Protein backbone atom coordinates (compact mmCIF):
# COMPACT_ATOMS: atom_id res chain seq x y z
CA MET A 1 52.40 -276.17 37.54
CA ARG A 2 50.64 -273.60 39.72
CA GLU A 3 53.06 -271.74 42.72
CA ILE A 4 51.69 -273.32 46.13
CA VAL A 5 51.94 -270.00 48.79
CA ASN A 6 51.95 -270.37 52.43
CA GLN A 7 50.03 -267.78 53.97
CA ALA A 8 51.54 -267.94 57.25
CA ASP A 9 55.13 -267.67 55.84
CA THR A 10 54.04 -264.81 53.77
CA ASP A 11 52.63 -263.02 56.72
CA ILE A 12 55.67 -263.70 59.10
CA LEU A 13 58.14 -262.51 55.93
CA VAL A 14 55.74 -259.37 55.30
CA GLN A 15 55.81 -258.37 59.18
CA LYS A 16 59.55 -259.04 58.93
CA ILE A 17 59.83 -256.30 56.30
CA GLU A 18 57.63 -253.79 58.23
CA ILE A 19 59.49 -254.07 61.09
CA LEU A 20 62.42 -253.03 59.23
CA ILE A 21 60.99 -250.24 57.14
CA GLU A 22 59.68 -248.75 60.38
CA GLU A 23 62.88 -249.31 62.28
CA SER A 24 64.98 -248.00 58.97
CA ARG A 25 62.38 -245.06 58.89
CA LYS A 26 63.04 -244.16 62.94
CA ARG A 27 66.89 -244.23 62.06
CA VAL A 28 66.20 -241.72 59.58
CA VAL A 29 64.58 -239.13 61.59
CA THR A 30 66.79 -239.75 64.32
CA GLN A 31 70.05 -239.30 62.03
CA VAL A 32 68.41 -236.22 60.30
CA ASP A 33 67.79 -234.88 64.55
CA SER A 34 71.68 -235.72 65.36
CA VAL A 35 73.08 -233.50 62.03
CA MET A 36 70.18 -230.51 63.20
CA VAL A 37 71.29 -230.52 66.22
CA ARG A 38 75.05 -230.76 66.01
CA THR A 39 74.82 -227.85 63.05
CA TYR A 40 73.00 -225.82 65.38
CA TYR A 41 75.64 -226.08 68.10
CA GLU A 42 78.22 -225.16 65.27
CA ILE A 43 76.24 -222.08 64.51
CA GLY A 44 76.16 -221.66 68.16
CA ARG A 45 79.92 -221.56 68.50
CA ALA A 46 80.36 -219.76 65.36
CA ILE A 47 78.18 -216.69 67.02
CA VAL A 48 80.19 -216.72 70.01
CA GLU A 49 83.34 -217.03 68.76
CA ASN A 50 83.11 -214.92 66.07
CA GLN A 51 81.64 -212.24 67.71
CA GLN A 52 82.39 -212.60 71.16
CA HIS A 53 85.61 -213.73 71.06
CA GLY A 54 84.40 -216.86 73.19
CA GLU A 55 82.66 -214.60 75.95
CA VAL A 56 79.88 -215.87 77.91
CA ARG A 57 77.88 -212.05 77.49
CA ALA A 58 77.49 -210.73 73.96
CA GLY A 59 79.13 -207.23 73.37
CA TYR A 60 76.74 -206.21 71.26
CA GLY A 61 73.16 -206.52 70.96
CA LYS A 62 70.15 -207.51 68.74
CA GLY A 63 71.47 -205.92 65.94
CA VAL A 64 74.02 -208.58 64.81
CA LEU A 65 71.46 -211.61 64.92
CA LYS A 66 69.32 -209.81 63.45
CA GLN A 67 70.82 -209.06 60.10
CA LEU A 68 72.26 -212.24 60.46
CA SER A 69 68.62 -213.75 60.71
CA GLN A 70 67.58 -211.76 57.77
CA ARG A 71 70.46 -212.96 55.81
CA LEU A 72 70.31 -216.68 56.66
CA ASN A 73 66.30 -216.84 56.27
CA ALA A 74 66.76 -215.07 52.79
CA LYS A 75 69.66 -217.90 51.62
CA PHE A 76 68.08 -221.36 52.94
CA GLY A 77 64.45 -220.10 54.11
CA LYS A 78 62.63 -220.14 57.67
CA GLY A 79 64.11 -221.27 60.85
CA PHE A 80 66.57 -218.68 61.75
CA SER A 81 64.89 -216.40 63.24
CA VAL A 82 66.62 -214.16 65.91
CA ASP A 83 64.72 -215.88 68.91
CA ASN A 84 66.08 -219.37 67.22
CA LEU A 85 69.93 -218.23 66.95
CA GLU A 86 70.23 -216.47 70.37
CA ASN A 87 69.24 -220.43 71.36
CA MET A 88 71.66 -221.97 69.77
CA ARG A 89 74.07 -219.42 71.20
CA LYS A 90 73.02 -220.17 74.28
CA PHE A 91 73.06 -224.47 73.64
CA TYR A 92 77.06 -223.83 72.71
CA LEU A 93 77.70 -221.54 75.99
CA THR A 94 75.60 -224.50 77.92
CA TYR A 95 77.43 -227.40 76.65
CA ARG A 96 80.76 -226.19 75.36
CA ASP A 97 82.29 -227.24 78.52
CA THR A 98 80.44 -230.40 79.16
CA LYS A 99 80.70 -231.98 75.74
CA SER A 100 83.90 -233.88 74.04
CA GLU A 101 86.77 -231.82 73.16
CA THR A 102 86.66 -233.62 69.71
CA VAL A 103 84.04 -231.71 68.65
CA SER A 104 86.50 -228.68 68.93
CA ARG A 105 89.02 -230.73 67.73
CA ILE A 106 87.73 -231.62 64.47
CA SER A 107 85.64 -227.97 63.97
CA GLN A 108 89.19 -226.28 64.34
CA LYS A 109 90.29 -229.38 61.40
CA THR A 110 88.06 -228.14 58.92
CA LYS A 111 89.82 -225.06 58.88
CA SER A 112 92.55 -225.92 57.14
CA GLU A 113 91.17 -228.91 55.31
CA THR A 114 88.79 -229.99 53.19
CA VAL A 115 85.98 -231.77 54.78
CA SER A 116 86.46 -235.01 52.65
CA ARG A 117 89.44 -235.15 53.96
CA ILE A 118 88.10 -235.48 57.44
CA SER A 119 86.56 -239.66 57.99
CA ASP A 120 82.77 -239.44 58.89
CA GLY A 121 83.93 -242.00 62.00
CA GLN A 122 85.53 -238.68 63.04
CA ILE A 123 82.69 -236.94 62.53
CA ARG A 124 80.66 -239.29 64.52
CA SER A 125 82.62 -240.01 67.18
CA ALA A 126 83.13 -236.09 67.70
CA TYR A 127 79.29 -235.34 68.11
CA ALA A 128 78.49 -238.75 69.66
CA ASP A 129 76.89 -236.71 73.01
CA PHE A 130 74.19 -234.91 71.02
CA THR A 131 71.71 -237.86 71.10
CA LEU A 132 68.17 -235.98 71.92
CA SER A 133 65.84 -233.73 69.17
CA TRP A 134 66.55 -229.93 69.50
CA SER A 135 63.54 -229.55 71.17
CA HIS A 136 64.97 -231.82 74.29
CA TYR A 137 68.01 -229.59 74.60
CA LEU A 138 65.34 -227.10 74.11
CA PHE A 139 64.12 -228.04 77.93
CA LEU A 140 67.26 -229.11 78.97
CA MET A 141 69.00 -226.12 78.73
CA ARG A 142 66.63 -224.34 81.51
CA ILE A 143 67.83 -226.54 83.96
CA GLU A 144 70.09 -224.72 85.82
CA ASN A 145 71.90 -227.65 88.21
CA ILE A 146 74.42 -229.21 85.85
CA ASP A 147 74.36 -232.34 87.79
CA GLU A 148 70.35 -232.71 87.23
CA ARG A 149 70.59 -231.68 83.59
CA HIS A 150 73.17 -234.81 83.21
CA PHE A 151 70.64 -237.20 84.75
CA TYR A 152 68.17 -236.05 82.66
CA GLU A 153 69.76 -236.03 79.27
CA MET A 154 71.61 -239.28 80.20
CA GLU A 155 67.98 -240.84 81.13
CA SER A 156 66.16 -239.43 78.07
CA GLY A 157 68.98 -241.07 75.63
CA LYS A 158 69.06 -244.01 77.30
CA ASN A 159 64.91 -244.86 78.11
CA ASN A 160 64.04 -243.04 74.75
CA TRP A 161 61.96 -240.42 75.97
CA ASN A 162 60.01 -238.05 74.41
CA LEU A 163 59.63 -234.46 74.89
CA ARG A 164 56.85 -235.31 76.92
CA GLU A 165 57.87 -238.15 78.94
CA LEU A 166 60.82 -235.82 79.86
CA LYS A 167 58.94 -232.96 80.80
CA ARG A 168 56.95 -235.57 82.94
CA GLN A 169 59.91 -236.92 84.60
CA PHE A 170 61.54 -233.62 85.73
CA ASN A 171 57.75 -232.09 86.64
CA SER A 172 57.61 -235.32 88.73
CA ALA A 173 61.22 -234.13 90.33
CA LEU A 174 62.63 -238.14 89.51
CA TYR A 175 66.51 -236.75 90.19
CA GLU A 176 65.60 -235.28 93.38
CA ARG A 177 63.17 -238.46 94.34
CA LEU A 178 65.66 -240.92 93.42
CA ALA A 179 68.33 -238.87 95.09
CA LEU A 180 66.56 -238.58 98.64
CA SER A 181 66.20 -241.92 98.18
CA THR A 182 69.73 -243.53 97.72
CA GLU A 183 72.82 -243.09 99.85
CA LYS A 184 74.86 -239.57 99.76
CA ASP A 185 77.98 -241.84 98.14
CA LYS A 186 75.44 -242.60 95.10
CA VAL A 187 74.16 -239.57 94.57
CA MET A 188 76.91 -238.14 92.86
CA GLU A 189 76.68 -241.08 90.15
CA LEU A 190 73.13 -239.96 89.23
CA SER A 191 74.99 -237.49 87.24
CA ARG A 192 77.63 -239.13 85.70
CA LYS A 193 75.66 -242.64 84.83
CA GLY A 194 72.02 -241.88 85.37
CA GLN A 195 70.27 -244.68 87.29
CA VAL A 196 71.93 -247.95 87.59
CA VAL A 197 69.82 -250.92 88.88
CA GLU A 198 72.23 -253.06 90.32
CA ARG A 199 70.50 -254.09 93.31
CA ALA A 200 66.82 -253.81 94.61
CA SER A 201 67.04 -250.44 96.99
CA ASP A 202 68.04 -249.22 93.64
CA VAL A 203 64.51 -248.77 92.34
CA ILE A 204 63.00 -247.93 95.07
CA LYS A 205 61.58 -244.37 95.35
CA ASP A 206 59.72 -241.60 98.12
CA PRO A 207 57.15 -240.94 97.39
CA TYR A 208 56.15 -242.61 93.93
CA ILE A 209 53.68 -239.93 91.99
CA LEU A 210 50.61 -241.35 90.07
CA GLU A 211 48.99 -237.77 89.61
CA PHE A 212 48.15 -239.15 85.72
CA LEU A 213 45.79 -241.42 87.73
CA GLY A 214 43.45 -238.67 87.94
CA LEU A 215 42.13 -239.50 91.33
CA LYS A 216 42.88 -236.39 93.36
CA GLU A 217 39.80 -235.25 92.10
CA LYS A 218 37.55 -237.94 94.21
CA PRO A 219 37.61 -237.08 97.45
CA GLU A 220 36.98 -240.58 98.12
CA TYR A 221 38.06 -243.64 96.30
CA SER A 222 39.08 -247.64 97.36
CA GLU A 223 41.83 -249.69 96.86
CA SER A 224 40.00 -250.81 93.89
CA ASP A 225 39.34 -247.82 92.48
CA LEU A 226 43.15 -247.29 92.67
CA GLU A 227 44.28 -250.41 91.35
CA SER A 228 42.02 -250.16 88.07
CA ARG A 229 43.26 -246.67 87.57
CA ILE A 230 46.57 -248.32 87.71
CA ILE A 231 45.95 -250.84 85.14
CA ASP A 232 43.88 -248.06 82.55
CA HIS A 233 47.17 -246.18 82.69
CA LEU A 234 49.56 -249.52 82.52
CA GLN A 235 52.17 -247.56 80.55
CA GLU A 236 52.46 -244.49 82.72
CA PHE A 237 52.97 -246.27 86.00
CA LEU A 238 55.32 -248.92 85.14
CA MET A 239 57.58 -245.86 83.50
CA GLU A 240 56.93 -243.91 87.19
CA MET A 241 57.67 -247.39 88.95
CA GLY A 242 61.19 -247.39 87.03
CA LYS A 243 63.90 -249.61 84.93
CA GLY A 244 63.11 -253.27 83.43
CA PHE A 245 59.71 -253.30 84.97
CA THR A 246 57.02 -255.21 83.35
CA PHE A 247 53.59 -256.50 83.91
CA VAL A 248 52.48 -260.50 85.17
CA GLY A 249 49.26 -259.89 86.52
CA ARG A 250 46.79 -258.39 88.82
CA GLN A 251 45.16 -259.80 92.17
CA VAL A 252 47.27 -262.69 91.37
CA ARG A 253 46.33 -265.79 93.64
CA PHE A 254 47.80 -268.58 95.29
CA THR A 255 46.96 -271.25 97.65
CA PHE A 256 48.44 -272.04 100.88
CA ASP A 257 47.00 -274.43 103.70
CA GLU A 258 43.75 -274.83 101.78
CA GLU A 259 43.70 -270.38 101.97
CA HIS A 260 43.65 -268.00 98.83
CA PHE A 261 45.46 -265.00 98.84
CA ARG A 262 45.78 -262.80 96.49
CA VAL A 263 48.68 -260.24 95.83
CA ASP A 264 47.36 -256.91 93.68
CA LEU A 265 49.90 -256.56 91.26
CA VAL A 266 52.72 -258.64 90.29
CA LEU A 267 55.36 -257.41 88.43
CA TYR A 268 59.00 -258.41 86.94
CA ASN A 269 61.96 -256.67 87.45
CA ARG A 270 64.03 -258.20 83.62
CA LEU A 271 67.20 -256.09 85.45
CA LEU A 272 67.13 -257.71 88.59
CA ARG A 273 65.79 -260.59 87.65
CA CYS A 274 63.19 -260.97 89.77
CA PHE A 275 59.51 -260.87 91.29
CA VAL A 276 58.34 -257.32 91.87
CA LEU A 277 54.80 -257.80 94.43
CA VAL A 278 53.11 -254.84 95.07
CA ASP A 279 50.57 -253.88 97.67
CA LEU A 280 47.95 -251.34 97.44
CA LYS A 281 47.04 -249.62 100.84
CA ILE A 282 44.52 -246.78 101.42
CA GLY A 283 45.35 -245.21 104.78
CA LYS A 284 47.88 -245.32 107.46
CA LEU A 285 50.24 -248.30 106.96
CA ARG A 286 50.05 -250.96 110.06
CA HIS A 287 52.56 -253.27 111.12
CA GLN A 288 50.06 -256.34 109.80
CA ASP A 289 50.56 -254.83 106.34
CA LEU A 290 54.61 -255.42 106.53
CA GLY A 291 53.82 -259.32 108.24
CA GLN A 292 50.92 -259.73 105.29
CA MET A 293 53.63 -258.57 102.71
CA GLN A 294 56.71 -260.35 104.45
CA MET A 295 54.36 -264.02 104.23
CA TYR A 296 53.83 -262.98 99.83
CA VAL A 297 57.65 -262.26 99.31
CA ASN A 298 58.65 -265.86 101.53
CA TYR A 299 56.23 -267.75 98.87
CA TYR A 300 57.39 -266.40 95.64
CA ASP A 301 60.57 -267.38 97.04
CA ARG A 302 59.82 -270.60 98.05
CA TYR A 303 57.43 -271.55 94.94
CA GLU A 304 57.59 -269.55 92.33
CA LYS A 305 60.87 -268.44 91.93
CA THR A 306 63.29 -270.41 89.93
CA GLY A 307 66.92 -271.45 90.72
CA ASP A 308 68.69 -268.94 88.79
CA GLU A 309 66.52 -265.59 89.73
CA ASN A 310 66.91 -262.99 92.74
CA PRO A 311 65.17 -262.69 96.05
CA THR A 312 62.05 -261.56 95.75
CA ILE A 313 61.14 -257.76 95.94
CA GLY A 314 57.83 -256.84 98.02
CA ILE A 315 56.15 -253.31 98.15
CA LEU A 316 53.89 -251.27 99.91
CA LEU A 317 52.58 -248.48 98.37
CA CYS A 318 50.10 -246.57 101.06
CA ASN A 319 49.33 -242.40 101.20
CA GLU A 320 50.28 -242.45 105.06
CA LYS A 321 53.27 -244.13 107.12
CA SER A 322 54.99 -243.97 109.99
CA ASP A 323 59.12 -244.63 109.07
CA SER A 324 60.01 -246.15 112.63
CA MET A 325 57.07 -248.41 112.74
CA VAL A 326 58.49 -249.86 108.87
CA GLU A 327 61.97 -249.77 110.84
CA LEU A 328 61.04 -251.89 113.99
CA THR A 329 59.23 -254.07 112.00
CA LEU A 330 60.85 -254.98 108.91
CA PRO A 331 64.73 -256.67 109.30
CA LYS A 332 67.39 -254.45 108.24
CA ASP A 333 68.63 -256.62 105.55
CA SER A 334 64.65 -257.15 104.35
CA ASN A 335 63.71 -257.27 100.72
CA ILE A 336 60.40 -255.34 101.36
CA TYR A 337 59.82 -251.62 101.32
CA ALA A 338 56.92 -248.96 102.20
CA SER A 339 56.70 -245.75 100.08
CA LYS A 340 54.26 -243.44 99.96
CA TYR A 341 52.15 -242.30 96.18
CA GLU A 342 51.08 -239.20 95.62
CA LEU A 343 48.23 -237.98 93.57
CA TYR A 344 49.68 -234.85 92.24
CA LEU A 345 53.03 -233.59 90.85
CA PRO A 346 55.16 -232.58 93.86
CA ASP A 347 56.74 -229.49 95.38
CA LYS A 348 60.10 -229.69 92.80
CA LYS A 349 61.57 -226.61 94.93
CA LEU A 350 60.60 -227.85 98.31
CA LEU A 351 62.21 -232.01 97.36
CA GLN A 352 65.67 -229.69 96.17
CA GLU A 353 65.71 -227.87 99.41
CA LYS A 354 65.12 -230.99 101.16
CA LEU A 355 68.20 -232.41 99.14
CA ILE A 356 70.25 -229.72 99.85
CA GLU A 357 69.32 -230.63 103.79
CA TRP A 358 69.81 -233.88 103.67
CA LEU A 359 73.09 -233.66 102.37
CA ARG A 360 74.54 -231.58 104.67
CA GLU A 361 73.12 -233.58 107.48
CA GLU A 362 74.88 -236.38 106.03
CA ASP A 363 78.38 -233.79 105.81
CA GLY A 364 77.84 -233.04 109.48
CA ASN A 365 77.81 -236.49 110.53
CA GLU A 366 80.87 -238.02 108.62
């Protein structure tokens, strides 16, 4: 009897197995990276404790590292250059005070007990904080501000940023922009918890950095040009918008009193469970623009959102605005925000200085 094969079922089975294999390979790569990072941390510890007696500054020159490099490369192959060993030493010094003390306890235990007597669960727990690749940590070590470093480390892990994405977020001063867009008592949470999205204001930045659109080279561009570039770079745009954003549509039309209206971009935030309407403006933002967005938000709240969804958020992206005009036009409990966008990477140092100044002013007002 000839077996009848359902091609559709077979295709689904193949897809499921392909996903399983791909996910398995990803986990293997992640585990290999994690083990390598753990090993480099312990090598750094050995160099510091055995040669420096735990002090930050080495009491010896490059000679010891050079000899160590030669012997390790001879036995294990390439990968243990003097520069790499120096990076491992710095890695340990950078993270020894911020990582779990369990790492130290496990390391000390191995000196008196065989490795086989220490459970794999203990070892995994000891190094649970090392979730990124070695390349990530090489970059993170260069960030001098500990709070900022913690923030980018957490966000890289939560959002699965590759090294390129991490560098882009750092160069776009994401930490400073989020800090300047939040309340002072929430700034420290950025370093302890990363970006937490619980209310509408948590997803707002000012400014938004859209350098990836490539429009800075055009002396003149229209709102249509801006919108088209955003659609062409939708993945980068959603990443810049922040956590939980998904794309719904562009130039989304709705009709009210036999008149047609179009929203430039309609997004949805999965974390806040609400629609996010984005209007793009060239030139100075006017109070009429805010009124128009208020009407858009009211329509979506009354006719589009369901009973279990949260109020709609409106964001006007403009390249020029008056904060006092925005504040005077919108009610205090408004879910509408006006933010500037910039077509080039910001002056990170300038934003750092602005953040310090803002925090000092807040302290003075208390």
